[in-house]
Amino acid sequence: MDELPDRPLAGILLRLLSGVLFTGMMVCVKGASEATPLGQIVFFRSIFALLPVVLFLAWRREFPAGLATRRPGGHLLRSGLGAAAMFASFAALALLPVAEATLLAQLTPVLMALGGILLLRERLTLHRAAALLLALAGVAVLILPNLGADEASLAGYLLALLAALLTAGALLTVRRISRTETPGAIAFYFILMSALAGLATWPLGWAVLTGPQLWLLMLAGLFGGAAHICMTLALRYAEVSRLAPFEYLALIWPVLADLVIFGLAPSVGFLLALPLVLAGAILAAFEGRRIRWPRRR
């Protein structure tokens, strides 16, 4: 596959757009969660995300030839972990403000660093130790005030932490299989597995969708699929080091969504936890960039 030219401005703009689209997806999921079962949300979010992803792969002439795989077991593990992470993340969104759920998702690079130490026998460096300590401090600042006071929020925090852990496991798997598998195949099989997992919950009872609910679910899928495409292109046009500062700028959109759409101001715990969690995530990401993992283009 031909390499795309270095276009840092395009990469940065696409990364910013992906943050807006991901926030739009989360707002739609949160809005639909009031009257729609979790598995049904996962199914519709995934099935509608297939449309932009397949169109993108066809435009790049990677469909269906690009879906060929030499690592079906790796795809199964990555997709299973990713689908479980989606269930946990959407369940957390039903209980938490969008900004808090998004902040806890920033723990993923920290948990990846921990997983690299425990599972891949990577070294415990000073950067990684500092990242873990900062992230743990941030989580404590966010969660401890709600212990014993708000059971719904506590459940949401635990689900968000589980989602971050599962996402880290999925991305560690991506590290292994990306040496032979295309990004398109990895994304396609993950979305397909998530759709099947959501469909499997149908016997448990799905809601009869109203017009607004159906629109929210359709938009959640389209926003999610488009966000993934923008993120993929951003990483092709610009180096990870150039995009890193804009990873955390994306937290602005969830805060604005809470304020404007849901009428929720950031909590004191969120404001105190924000710099700690972000500092830990930045340190973990910086350490990760020092390891030159192969990247398919």
Protein backbone atom coordinates (compact mmCIF):
# COMPACT_ATOMS: atom_id res chain seq x y z
CA MET A 1 0.00 0.00 0.00
CA ASP A 2 1.36 3.41 -0.95
CA GLU A 3 2.39 5.74 1.81
CA LEU A 4 0.49 8.99 2.09
CA PRO A 5 2.47 12.25 2.18
CA ASP A 6 3.19 13.96 5.48
CA ARG A 7 0.33 16.46 5.91
CA PRO A 8 0.36 17.49 9.57
CA LEU A 9 -2.35 20.18 9.32
CA ALA A 10 -4.76 17.73 7.69
CA GLY A 11 -3.91 15.15 10.35
CA ILE A 12 -4.55 17.61 13.18
CA LEU A 13 -7.87 18.76 11.70
CA LEU A 14 -8.99 15.17 11.20
CA ARG A 15 -8.04 14.33 14.81
CA LEU A 16 -10.08 17.29 16.07
CA LEU A 17 -13.02 16.24 13.88
CA SER A 18 -12.80 12.68 15.21
CA GLY A 19 -13.10 14.06 18.76
CA VAL A 20 -16.27 15.95 17.83
CA LEU A 21 -17.72 12.86 16.15
CA PHE A 22 -16.89 10.57 19.08
CA THR A 23 -18.59 13.05 21.43
CA GLY A 24 -21.62 13.11 19.12
CA MET A 25 -21.74 9.32 19.29
CA MET A 26 -21.58 9.34 23.09
CA VAL A 27 -24.32 11.99 23.34
CA CYS A 28 -26.57 9.87 21.10
CA VAL A 29 -25.85 6.73 23.12
CA LYS A 30 -26.58 8.52 26.39
CA GLY A 31 -29.81 9.94 24.99
CA ALA A 32 -30.96 6.54 23.73
CA SER A 33 -30.00 4.70 26.94
CA GLU A 34 -33.00 6.04 28.85
CA ALA A 35 -35.45 3.83 26.95
CA THR A 36 -33.34 1.34 24.95
CA PRO A 37 -31.73 -1.87 26.26
CA LEU A 38 -27.93 -1.93 26.28
CA GLY A 39 -27.54 -4.79 23.79
CA GLN A 40 -29.89 -3.12 21.35
CA ILE A 41 -27.81 0.08 21.51
CA VAL A 42 -24.61 -1.88 20.84
CA PHE A 43 -26.22 -3.64 17.86
CA PHE A 44 -27.54 -0.50 16.18
CA ARG A 45 -24.39 1.50 16.91
CA SER A 46 -22.31 -1.25 15.30
CA ILE A 47 -24.51 -2.08 12.32
CA PHE A 48 -24.78 1.55 11.23
CA ALA A 49 -21.04 2.07 11.79
CA LEU A 50 -20.41 -0.62 9.16
CA LEU A 51 -21.76 1.64 6.41
CA PRO A 52 -19.14 4.42 6.53
CA VAL A 53 -16.34 1.94 7.29
CA VAL A 54 -17.21 -0.30 4.30
CA LEU A 55 -17.56 2.75 2.02
CA PHE A 56 -14.16 3.99 3.20
CA LEU A 57 -12.54 0.60 2.58
CA ALA A 58 -14.14 0.41 -0.87
CA TRP A 59 -12.84 3.92 -1.67
CA ARG A 60 -9.33 2.75 -0.70
CA ARG A 61 -9.86 -0.43 -2.79
CA GLU A 62 -9.45 -2.57 0.32
CA PHE A 63 -12.90 -4.18 0.23
CA PRO A 64 -13.23 -7.09 0.23
CA ALA A 65 -9.61 -8.04 -0.55
CA GLY A 66 -8.28 -6.12 2.46
CA LEU A 67 -10.32 -8.29 4.85
CA ALA A 68 -8.20 -11.37 4.18
CA THR A 69 -6.51 -12.49 7.38
CA ARG A 70 -3.77 -14.79 8.60
CA ARG A 71 -4.70 -14.25 12.27
CA PRO A 72 -8.38 -15.22 12.78
CA GLY A 73 -7.72 -16.08 16.42
CA GLY A 74 -6.14 -12.68 16.99
CA HIS A 75 -9.15 -10.95 15.44
CA LEU A 76 -11.49 -13.01 17.60
CA LEU A 77 -9.65 -12.00 20.78
CA ARG A 78 -9.32 -8.33 19.80
CA SER A 79 -12.95 -8.11 18.67
CA GLY A 80 -14.26 -9.92 21.75
CA LEU A 81 -12.40 -7.59 24.10
CA GLY A 82 -13.49 -4.56 22.07
CA ALA A 83 -17.15 -5.63 22.05
CA ALA A 84 -17.07 -6.20 25.82
CA ALA A 85 -15.48 -2.75 26.23
CA MET A 86 -18.31 -1.21 24.19
CA PHE A 87 -20.94 -2.83 26.43
CA ALA A 88 -19.17 -1.58 29.56
CA SER A 89 -18.59 1.90 28.13
CA PHE A 90 -22.21 2.38 27.04
CA ALA A 91 -23.46 1.09 30.40
CA ALA A 92 -21.21 3.64 32.12
CA LEU A 93 -22.53 6.43 29.88
CA ALA A 94 -26.06 5.74 31.07
CA LEU A 95 -24.93 6.47 34.66
CA LEU A 96 -22.26 9.19 34.29
CA PRO A 97 -21.86 12.59 32.64
CA VAL A 98 -20.26 12.32 29.20
CA ALA A 99 -17.17 14.22 30.40
CA GLU A 100 -16.49 11.88 33.33
CA ALA A 101 -16.93 8.76 31.19
CA THR A 102 -14.56 10.26 28.61
CA LEU A 103 -11.99 11.18 31.25
CA LEU A 104 -11.87 7.64 32.60
CA ALA A 105 -11.40 6.37 29.04
CA GLN A 106 -8.11 8.31 29.05
CA LEU A 107 -6.78 5.65 31.44
CA THR A 108 -6.40 3.28 28.49
CA PRO A 109 -2.75 4.18 27.66
CA VAL A 110 -1.85 3.87 31.36
CA LEU A 111 -3.46 0.43 31.54
CA MET A 112 -1.73 -0.52 28.28
CA ALA A 113 1.60 0.35 29.89
CA LEU A 114 0.69 -1.83 32.87
CA GLY A 115 -0.39 -4.63 30.54
CA GLY A 116 2.88 -4.36 28.64
CA ILE A 117 4.76 -4.90 31.90
CA LEU A 118 2.61 -7.80 33.10
CA LEU A 119 1.88 -9.56 29.79
CA LEU A 120 4.61 -8.55 27.33
CA ARG A 121 7.48 -8.44 29.86
CA GLU A 122 8.28 -4.80 29.17
CA ARG A 123 10.34 -2.85 31.70
CA LEU A 124 8.85 -0.82 34.52
CA THR A 125 10.45 2.53 33.70
CA LEU A 126 10.28 5.74 35.71
CA HIS A 127 7.81 7.21 33.19
CA ARG A 128 5.49 4.23 33.56
CA ALA A 129 5.65 4.21 37.34
CA ALA A 130 4.87 7.95 37.45
CA ALA A 131 2.02 7.49 34.95
CA LEU A 132 0.45 4.75 37.07
CA LEU A 133 0.72 6.78 40.28
CA LEU A 134 -0.77 9.92 38.70
CA ALA A 135 -3.62 7.98 37.10
CA LEU A 136 -4.45 6.18 40.36
CA ALA A 137 -4.45 9.50 42.20
CA GLY A 138 -6.82 10.96 39.61
CA VAL A 139 -9.21 8.02 39.84
CA ALA A 140 -9.17 8.26 43.64
CA VAL A 141 -9.96 11.99 43.55
CA LEU A 142 -12.88 11.36 41.18
CA ILE A 143 -14.38 8.30 42.85
CA LEU A 144 -13.71 8.52 46.60
CA PRO A 145 -16.16 11.40 47.30
CA ASN A 146 -18.99 9.24 45.93
CA LEU A 147 -18.24 6.11 47.94
CA GLY A 148 -21.32 5.23 49.94
CA ALA A 149 -23.18 8.31 48.72
CA ASP A 150 -24.21 7.70 45.11
CA GLU A 151 -24.49 4.04 44.14
CA ALA A 152 -25.39 4.79 40.51
CA SER A 153 -22.30 6.98 39.99
CA LEU A 154 -20.08 4.41 41.71
CA ALA A 155 -21.42 1.69 39.39
CA GLY A 156 -20.78 4.00 36.44
CA TYR A 157 -17.18 4.60 37.53
CA LEU A 158 -16.53 0.89 37.92
CA LEU A 159 -18.02 0.18 34.48
CA ALA A 160 -15.93 2.97 32.92
CA LEU A 161 -12.79 1.55 34.53
CA LEU A 162 -13.71 -1.91 33.22
CA ALA A 163 -14.21 -0.42 29.74
CA ALA A 164 -10.76 1.21 29.87
CA LEU A 165 -9.20 -2.08 31.01
CA LEU A 166 -10.89 -4.06 28.23
CA THR A 167 -9.94 -1.42 25.65
CA ALA A 168 -6.32 -1.64 26.79
CA GLY A 169 -6.45 -5.41 26.33
CA ALA A 170 -7.93 -4.98 22.86
CA LEU A 171 -5.22 -2.49 21.84
CA LEU A 172 -2.47 -4.73 23.19
CA THR A 173 -3.88 -7.42 20.93
CA VAL A 174 -3.86 -4.94 18.03
CA ARG A 175 -0.14 -4.44 18.68
CA ARG A 176 0.41 -8.13 18.03
CA ILE A 177 -1.81 -8.66 14.99
CA SER A 178 -1.08 -5.34 13.20
CA ARG A 179 2.23 -6.78 12.00
CA THR A 180 0.27 -8.84 9.46
CA GLU A 181 -3.29 -7.43 9.47
CA THR A 182 -4.57 -4.23 7.84
CA PRO A 183 -6.28 -1.53 9.92
CA GLY A 184 -9.38 -2.00 7.76
CA ALA A 185 -9.64 -5.69 8.61
CA ILE A 186 -9.11 -5.00 12.32
CA ALA A 187 -11.86 -2.35 12.34
CA PHE A 188 -14.29 -4.39 10.22
CA TYR A 189 -14.12 -7.56 12.29
CA PHE A 190 -14.41 -5.60 15.54
CA ILE A 191 -17.58 -3.85 14.36
CA LEU A 192 -19.02 -7.11 13.02
CA MET A 193 -18.33 -8.93 16.31
CA SER A 194 -19.91 -6.08 18.29
CA ALA A 195 -23.03 -6.19 16.11
CA LEU A 196 -23.35 -9.95 16.60
CA ALA A 197 -22.84 -9.59 20.36
CA GLY A 198 -25.56 -6.95 20.50
CA LEU A 199 -27.89 -9.08 18.36
CA ALA A 200 -27.39 -12.01 20.76
CA THR A 201 -29.22 -9.99 23.45
CA TRP A 202 -32.42 -9.84 21.38
CA PRO A 203 -34.05 -12.83 23.18
CA LEU A 204 -33.64 -10.89 26.46
CA GLY A 205 -36.05 -8.27 25.16
CA TRP A 206 -35.62 -5.27 22.92
CA ALA A 207 -37.66 -2.08 22.97
CA VAL A 208 -39.99 -1.01 20.20
CA LEU A 209 -38.15 2.02 18.87
CA THR A 210 -39.79 5.38 18.41
CA GLY A 211 -38.67 7.76 15.66
CA PRO A 212 -36.35 9.80 17.92
CA GLN A 213 -34.79 6.65 19.42
CA LEU A 214 -34.09 5.20 15.99
CA TRP A 215 -32.50 8.45 14.83
CA LEU A 216 -30.28 8.56 17.91
CA LEU A 217 -29.10 4.98 17.31
CA MET A 218 -28.52 5.57 13.59
CA LEU A 219 -26.53 8.72 14.30
CA ALA A 220 -24.53 6.94 17.03
CA GLY A 221 -23.41 4.37 14.47
CA LEU A 222 -22.70 6.84 11.69
CA PHE A 223 -20.81 9.18 14.05
CA GLY A 224 -18.81 6.26 15.47
CA GLY A 225 -17.88 4.88 12.05
CA ALA A 226 -16.97 8.32 10.69
CA ALA A 227 -14.90 9.07 13.82
CA HIS A 228 -12.90 5.87 13.29
CA ILE A 229 -12.21 6.83 9.67
CA CYS A 230 -11.07 10.33 10.67
CA MET A 231 -8.78 8.87 13.33
CA THR A 232 -7.30 6.39 10.84
CA LEU A 233 -6.64 9.13 8.28
CA ALA A 234 -5.20 11.44 10.94
CA LEU A 235 -2.64 8.78 11.85
CA ARG A 236 -1.75 8.36 8.18
CA TYR A 237 -1.27 12.08 7.54
CA ALA A 238 0.61 13.01 10.74
CA GLU A 239 2.93 11.34 13.22
CA VAL A 240 1.55 10.28 16.61
CA SER A 241 3.85 12.76 18.37
CA ARG A 242 2.27 15.65 16.46
CA LEU A 243 -1.25 14.52 17.27
CA ALA A 244 -0.66 13.80 20.96
CA PRO A 245 -1.58 17.28 22.32
CA PHE A 246 -4.87 17.15 20.43
CA GLU A 247 -5.81 13.79 21.98
CA TYR A 248 -6.51 15.59 25.24
CA LEU A 249 -7.98 18.73 23.68
CA ALA A 250 -10.83 16.42 22.65
CA LEU A 251 -12.05 16.48 26.28
CA ILE A 252 -13.42 19.97 25.62
CA TRP A 253 -16.29 18.58 23.54
CA PRO A 254 -17.72 16.23 26.22
CA VAL A 255 -17.62 19.05 28.78
CA LEU A 256 -19.51 21.33 26.37
CA ALA A 257 -21.98 18.54 25.59
CA ASP A 258 -22.74 18.07 29.28
CA LEU A 259 -23.24 21.81 29.74
CA VAL A 260 -25.27 22.58 26.61
CA ILE A 261 -27.28 19.38 26.05
CA PHE A 262 -27.65 17.81 29.51
CA GLY A 263 -27.29 20.92 31.69
CA LEU A 264 -24.51 19.36 33.78
CA ALA A 265 -21.58 21.45 35.01
CA PRO A 266 -18.26 19.69 35.67
CA SER A 267 -18.04 18.40 39.23
CA VAL A 268 -15.28 19.46 41.62
CA GLY A 269 -13.97 15.88 41.56
CA PHE A 270 -13.76 15.97 37.76
CA LEU A 271 -11.85 19.26 37.75
CA LEU A 272 -9.38 17.96 40.34
CA ALA A 273 -8.96 14.57 38.66
CA LEU A 274 -8.55 16.02 35.15
CA PRO A 275 -4.90 17.17 35.39
CA LEU A 276 -3.84 14.02 37.25
CA VAL A 277 -5.40 11.56 34.79
CA LEU A 278 -4.21 13.53 31.76
CA ALA A 279 -0.68 13.80 33.14
CA GLY A 280 -0.59 10.03 33.66
CA ALA A 281 -2.00 9.39 30.17
CA ILE A 282 0.51 11.77 28.55
CA LEU A 283 3.43 10.11 30.36
CA ALA A 284 2.22 6.64 29.36
CA ALA A 285 1.71 7.73 25.74
CA PHE A 286 5.17 9.34 25.67
CA GLU A 287 6.74 6.13 26.93
CA GLY A 288 4.76 4.13 24.38
CA ARG A 289 6.11 6.26 21.53
CA ARG A 290 9.64 5.36 22.58
CA ILE A 291 8.86 1.77 21.58
CA ARG A 292 8.82 1.68 17.79
CA TRP A 293 5.91 -0.62 17.13
CA PRO A 294 5.49 -1.43 13.43
CA ARG A 295 2.68 0.44 11.71
CA ARG A 296 0.99 -0.71 8.52
CA ARG A 297 0.17 1.98 6.00
